[in-house]
């Protein structure tokens, strides 16, 4: 059986046959979307009515304003003016000094709540600090591998079952909710930790990781999507949600070491290379990149320089 749909094209009526199975799937999909939208609106109304407004005062304008705010936050286009709330004319009343690493500190990241600070050192350790008191909360120590595993000048693929780093750590990243900590370093390992419990969760290496030192990692804002950049000139995308916790894809384009990257809320990120003198804006879903090149030669500048020398 099929259902006949009537459509108008250029003033002419056109009949289209839609199978019943497809029409049923479309109906279920629409009902699901309507149900999710209703749940979201109910949560918005509850949030607005909780201690802020009476139920009678909640109208379409309030809900519309909240919806627009959520859309802007999701797209990363919200502007928060907070500079006026800080007083920079006076020096800070207190400065936090910590001492815990044996060698130089290589990276640091603070939680969005402002409660904890994570630092990494050249010796391969990670330390979690309490920002208010400056006390050490927990440590993630370097793992010492057997001497037999260090043969071949380090060319062998890292063992993904090793629970931690075996060499210098170069970068740290913390998820927005403060639950996941990602670390990467010269051992070509990308380690994922439970930041609250201080426990190792998983490591990515070998065919799921980079072929050279991992120089930078960054979480996509508000998500568990993780981006990593490496000296092997590639970027990799990981989904660290509990149901997936796996590798997604690899991005190619840089002609030299990837030195740094960052991301906001959209499915995009930006990375900078070394001697290739480029900054690249990646659209992950579209699999495209916008390249900004620097350090090029300018003929106008050369002519002006030559004229001034004469």
Protein backbone atom coordinates (compact mmCIF):
# COMPACT_ATOMS: atom_id res chain seq x y z
CA UNK A 1 0.00 0.00 0.00
CA UNK A 2 1.07 3.58 -0.58
CA UNK A 3 -0.22 7.01 0.25
CA UNK A 4 -0.63 9.58 -2.49
CA UNK A 5 0.65 13.06 -1.62
CA UNK A 6 -0.33 16.07 -3.65
CA UNK A 7 2.32 18.74 -4.33
CA UNK A 8 2.27 21.82 -6.54
CA UNK A 9 5.22 22.61 -8.80
CA UNK A 10 5.10 25.72 -11.00
CA UNK A 11 1.32 25.90 -10.69
CA UNK A 12 0.83 22.28 -11.70
CA UNK A 13 -0.35 19.52 -9.45
CA UNK A 14 1.91 16.55 -9.03
CA UNK A 15 1.01 13.25 -7.35
CA UNK A 16 3.73 11.42 -5.39
CA UNK A 17 3.39 7.92 -3.99
CA UNK A 18 4.91 7.47 -0.50
CA UNK A 19 5.15 3.93 0.91
CA UNK A 20 3.30 3.30 4.15
CA UNK A 21 6.50 2.10 5.89
CA UNK A 22 8.32 5.34 5.09
CA UNK A 23 5.32 7.42 6.12
CA UNK A 24 5.16 5.55 9.45
CA UNK A 25 8.86 6.17 10.12
CA UNK A 26 8.42 9.87 9.34
CA UNK A 27 5.46 10.05 11.69
CA UNK A 28 7.42 8.41 14.55
CA UNK A 29 10.37 10.73 13.92
CA UNK A 30 8.17 13.80 14.03
CA UNK A 31 6.49 12.61 17.24
CA UNK A 32 9.90 12.03 18.82
CA UNK A 33 11.09 15.52 17.87
CA UNK A 34 7.86 17.03 19.19
CA UNK A 35 8.22 15.12 22.47
CA UNK A 36 11.86 16.25 22.92
CA UNK A 37 10.93 19.84 22.12
CA UNK A 38 8.11 19.71 24.68
CA UNK A 39 10.46 18.34 27.34
CA UNK A 40 12.95 21.11 26.61
CA UNK A 41 10.26 23.80 26.85
CA UNK A 42 9.04 22.34 30.14
CA UNK A 43 12.58 22.46 31.54
CA UNK A 44 12.93 26.09 30.40
CA UNK A 45 9.65 27.05 32.05
CA UNK A 46 10.65 25.24 35.24
CA UNK A 47 13.97 27.07 35.34
CA UNK A 48 12.31 30.43 34.81
CA UNK A 49 9.61 29.79 37.36
CA UNK A 50 11.89 28.43 40.07
CA UNK A 51 12.12 31.32 42.50
CA UNK A 52 12.20 33.99 39.78
CA UNK A 53 8.72 34.37 38.37
CA UNK A 54 5.21 33.30 39.11
CA UNK A 55 3.68 30.75 36.80
CA UNK A 56 1.28 33.38 35.46
CA UNK A 57 4.16 35.63 34.41
CA UNK A 58 5.83 33.07 32.21
CA UNK A 59 4.91 33.99 28.66
CA UNK A 60 6.21 33.54 25.17
CA UNK A 61 8.70 36.42 25.43
CA UNK A 62 10.52 34.85 28.38
CA UNK A 63 10.67 31.44 26.74
CA UNK A 64 11.76 33.01 23.46
CA UNK A 65 14.56 34.94 25.17
CA UNK A 66 15.77 31.77 26.89
CA UNK A 67 15.71 29.84 23.62
CA UNK A 68 17.74 32.53 21.87
CA UNK A 69 20.24 32.52 24.74
CA UNK A 70 20.68 28.74 24.51
CA UNK A 71 21.14 28.89 20.75
CA UNK A 72 23.80 31.60 21.08
CA UNK A 73 25.61 29.65 23.80
CA UNK A 74 25.60 26.49 21.69
CA UNK A 75 26.99 28.36 18.66
CA UNK A 76 29.62 30.16 20.75
CA UNK A 77 28.34 33.66 19.97
CA UNK A 78 27.52 34.86 23.48
CA UNK A 79 29.31 38.01 24.65
CA UNK A 80 29.71 38.30 28.41
CA UNK A 81 30.91 41.68 29.66
CA UNK A 82 32.64 40.91 32.96
CA UNK A 83 35.65 43.26 32.92
CA UNK A 84 33.82 45.89 34.97
CA UNK A 85 33.40 43.44 37.83
CA UNK A 86 37.18 43.24 38.37
CA UNK A 87 39.42 45.87 39.94
CA UNK A 88 42.83 45.85 38.23
CA UNK A 89 44.03 49.06 39.87
CA UNK A 90 45.04 47.22 43.03
CA UNK A 91 47.66 44.45 43.20
CA UNK A 92 46.40 40.98 44.12
CA UNK A 93 46.06 40.48 47.86
CA UNK A 94 47.31 36.90 47.74
CA UNK A 95 49.36 34.80 45.35
CA UNK A 96 49.29 31.01 45.36
CA UNK A 97 52.72 29.36 45.32
CA UNK A 98 52.96 25.58 45.03
CA UNK A 99 55.90 23.23 44.99
CA UNK A 100 55.47 19.63 44.00
CA UNK A 101 57.16 18.85 40.69
CA UNK A 102 60.74 17.63 40.62
CA UNK A 103 61.44 19.19 37.20
CA UNK A 104 60.05 22.09 35.15
CA UNK A 105 56.27 22.54 34.91
CA UNK A 106 55.14 21.97 31.33
CA UNK A 107 51.36 22.58 31.42
CA UNK A 108 48.56 23.78 33.69
CA UNK A 109 44.77 23.86 33.45
CA UNK A 110 42.14 25.06 35.95
CA UNK A 111 38.57 23.86 36.32
CA UNK A 112 35.77 26.19 35.27
CA UNK A 113 34.42 26.08 38.82
CA UNK A 114 37.68 27.59 40.08
CA UNK A 115 38.15 24.85 42.68
CA UNK A 116 41.03 22.80 41.29
CA UNK A 117 44.22 23.22 39.27
CA UNK A 118 46.05 20.48 37.37
CA UNK A 119 49.75 20.79 36.54
CA UNK A 120 52.17 18.50 34.72
CA UNK A 121 55.94 18.29 34.90
CA UNK A 122 58.85 17.26 32.77
CA UNK A 123 59.30 14.21 34.98
CA UNK A 124 55.95 12.83 33.76
CA UNK A 125 53.78 13.43 36.84
CA UNK A 126 50.40 15.21 37.07
CA UNK A 127 49.35 16.92 40.30
CA UNK A 128 45.88 18.08 41.29
CA UNK A 129 45.81 21.14 43.56
CA UNK A 130 43.06 22.81 45.58
CA UNK A 131 43.08 26.44 44.48
CA UNK A 132 41.66 27.86 47.71
CA UNK A 133 44.13 26.25 50.08
CA UNK A 134 47.00 25.40 47.74
CA UNK A 135 47.11 21.86 49.10
CA UNK A 136 47.91 18.85 46.96
CA UNK A 137 44.80 16.73 46.42
CA UNK A 138 46.12 13.81 44.36
CA UNK A 139 48.87 12.82 41.93
CA UNK A 140 49.05 10.83 38.71
CA UNK A 141 52.53 9.34 38.63
CA UNK A 142 54.72 8.41 35.70
CA UNK A 143 54.74 4.72 34.85
CA UNK A 144 58.12 3.04 34.63
CA UNK A 145 58.17 0.51 31.82
CA UNK A 146 60.53 -2.50 31.71
CA UNK A 147 63.85 -1.95 29.95
CA UNK A 148 62.85 -4.52 27.33
CA UNK A 149 60.04 -2.23 26.18
CA UNK A 150 62.43 0.66 25.51
CA UNK A 151 64.46 -1.06 22.80
CA UNK A 152 64.55 0.05 19.19
CA UNK A 153 65.15 3.76 19.93
CA UNK A 154 61.52 4.26 20.91
CA UNK A 155 60.15 3.30 17.49
CA UNK A 156 57.88 0.56 18.82
CA UNK A 157 54.20 1.43 19.21
CA UNK A 158 53.26 2.37 22.80
CA UNK A 159 51.35 -0.21 24.80
CA UNK A 160 47.76 1.11 25.24
CA UNK A 161 47.31 -0.99 28.40
CA UNK A 162 49.93 1.02 30.31
CA UNK A 163 47.99 3.09 32.87
CA UNK A 164 49.72 6.44 32.49
CA UNK A 165 52.59 8.27 30.84
CA UNK A 166 56.13 6.98 30.44
CA UNK A 167 57.79 10.25 29.39
CA UNK A 168 57.46 14.03 29.56
CA UNK A 169 53.92 15.47 29.47
CA UNK A 170 53.41 18.40 27.09
CA UNK A 171 49.73 19.36 27.34
CA UNK A 172 46.66 19.10 29.58
CA UNK A 173 42.95 19.69 28.93
CA UNK A 174 39.96 19.55 31.28
CA UNK A 175 36.34 19.03 30.24
CA UNK A 176 33.82 21.74 31.03
CA UNK A 177 32.10 19.71 33.74
CA UNK A 178 35.46 18.98 35.37
CA UNK A 179 35.02 15.20 35.18
CA UNK A 180 37.55 14.27 32.48
CA UNK A 181 41.21 15.21 32.26
CA UNK A 182 43.19 14.57 29.07
CA UNK A 183 46.99 14.54 28.98
CA UNK A 184 49.47 14.05 26.16
CA UNK A 185 53.22 14.01 25.79
CA UNK A 186 56.40 12.80 24.16
CA UNK A 187 55.54 9.14 24.70
CA UNK A 188 52.89 9.44 21.95
CA UNK A 189 50.16 8.55 24.45
CA UNK A 190 46.89 10.38 24.95
CA UNK A 191 45.65 9.48 28.42
CA UNK A 192 42.14 10.06 29.75
CA UNK A 193 41.68 10.36 33.53
CA UNK A 194 38.77 10.59 35.93
CA UNK A 195 39.56 14.04 37.32
CA UNK A 196 37.32 13.63 40.36
CA UNK A 197 38.51 10.18 41.48
CA UNK A 198 42.08 10.57 40.25
CA UNK A 199 41.96 7.33 38.27
CA UNK A 200 43.19 6.32 34.82
CA UNK A 201 40.40 5.51 32.35
CA UNK A 202 41.95 4.83 28.95
CA UNK A 203 44.95 5.54 26.72
CA UNK A 204 45.03 6.05 22.96
CA UNK A 205 48.18 5.02 21.11
CA UNK A 206 49.31 2.93 18.17
CA UNK A 207 46.89 2.95 15.24
CA UNK A 208 44.37 4.96 17.33
CA UNK A 209 46.95 7.56 18.30
CA UNK A 210 49.71 9.72 16.85
CA UNK A 211 53.03 8.59 15.37
CA UNK A 212 55.04 11.30 17.11
CA UNK A 213 54.94 13.43 20.26
CA UNK A 214 51.51 14.92 21.03
CA UNK A 215 52.00 18.63 21.58
CA UNK A 216 48.50 19.93 22.35
CA UNK A 217 45.00 18.79 23.39
CA UNK A 218 41.74 20.71 23.81
CA UNK A 219 38.13 19.86 24.62
CA UNK A 220 35.25 21.22 22.61
CA UNK A 221 33.34 23.54 24.95
CA UNK A 222 30.40 21.94 26.70
CA UNK A 223 31.07 18.48 25.27
CA UNK A 224 33.36 15.47 25.68
CA UNK A 225 34.78 15.83 22.16
CA UNK A 226 38.58 16.07 22.29
CA UNK A 227 41.01 17.38 19.67
CA UNK A 228 44.73 16.58 19.68
CA UNK A 229 47.65 17.91 17.65
CA UNK A 230 51.01 16.25 17.13
CA UNK A 231 54.51 16.61 15.72
CA UNK A 232 53.38 14.08 13.08
CA UNK A 233 51.52 17.04 11.43
CA UNK A 234 48.02 15.66 12.02
CA UNK A 235 45.04 16.41 14.22
CA UNK A 236 42.84 13.68 15.68
CA UNK A 237 39.28 13.79 16.97
CA UNK A 238 38.05 11.64 19.88
CA UNK A 239 34.63 11.15 21.45
CA UNK A 240 35.12 10.61 25.19
CA UNK A 241 31.47 10.13 26.11
CA UNK A 242 31.02 7.04 28.34
CA UNK A 243 29.04 5.19 25.68
CA UNK A 244 31.74 5.69 23.00
CA UNK A 245 35.17 6.57 24.48
CA UNK A 246 36.91 6.11 21.16
CA UNK A 247 38.72 7.52 18.16
CA UNK A 248 36.68 9.36 15.50
CA UNK A 249 38.86 10.65 12.66
CA UNK A 250 42.17 12.22 11.57
CA UNK A 251 42.60 15.66 9.99
CA UNK A 252 45.44 16.22 7.49
CA UNK A 253 46.81 19.48 6.15
CA UNK A 254 49.71 20.85 8.18
CA UNK A 255 53.18 20.59 6.65
CA UNK A 256 55.06 20.86 9.95
CA UNK A 257 54.61 20.24 13.68
CA UNK A 258 51.21 21.24 15.10
CA UNK A 259 52.07 23.48 18.03
CA UNK A 260 48.70 24.54 19.45
CA UNK A 261 44.93 24.25 18.94
CA UNK A 262 41.72 25.39 20.55
CA UNK A 263 37.97 25.00 20.10
CA UNK A 264 34.68 26.60 21.12
CA UNK A 265 31.19 25.07 21.05
CA UNK A 266 30.74 24.48 17.32
CA UNK A 267 32.02 21.49 15.34
CA UNK A 268 35.14 23.50 14.50
CA UNK A 269 38.64 24.04 15.83
CA UNK A 270 41.66 26.15 14.98
CA UNK A 271 45.27 24.99 14.90
CA UNK A 272 48.65 26.57 14.22
CA UNK A 273 51.70 24.96 12.66
CA UNK A 274 55.40 25.56 13.05
CA UNK A 275 57.55 26.17 10.03
CA UNK A 276 54.61 25.85 7.64
CA UNK A 277 53.57 29.33 8.95
CA UNK A 278 49.84 28.58 8.78
CA UNK A 279 46.80 28.81 11.03
CA UNK A 280 43.99 26.49 9.97
CA UNK A 281 40.29 26.75 10.75
CA UNK A 282 38.76 23.27 10.54
CA UNK A 283 35.10 22.46 9.90
CA UNK A 284 34.93 18.93 11.25
CA UNK A 285 31.55 17.90 9.82
CA UNK A 286 32.19 19.36 6.35
CA UNK A 287 35.77 17.98 6.33
CA UNK A 288 37.07 21.32 5.08
CA UNK A 289 39.71 23.77 6.28
CA UNK A 290 40.39 27.46 5.84
CA UNK A 291 44.11 28.23 5.70
CA UNK A 292 45.66 31.51 6.88
CA UNK A 293 49.24 31.85 5.69
CA UNK A 294 51.83 34.11 7.26
CA UNK A 295 55.43 35.05 6.78
CA UNK A 296 55.16 35.47 3.01
CA UNK A 297 57.23 37.83 0.92
CA UNK A 298 55.70 41.11 -0.24
CA UNK A 299 56.92 42.70 -3.49
CA UNK A 300 55.66 46.12 -2.39
CA UNK A 301 57.60 45.81 0.85
CA UNK A 302 60.71 44.75 -1.07
CA UNK A 303 60.44 47.73 -3.46
CA UNK A 304 59.93 50.17 -0.60
CA UNK A 305 62.84 48.67 1.29
CA UNK A 306 65.07 48.80 -1.78
CA UNK A 307 64.08 52.43 -2.46
CA UNK A 308 64.81 53.51 1.12
CA UNK A 309 68.23 51.87 0.98
CA UNK A 310 69.13 53.89 -2.10
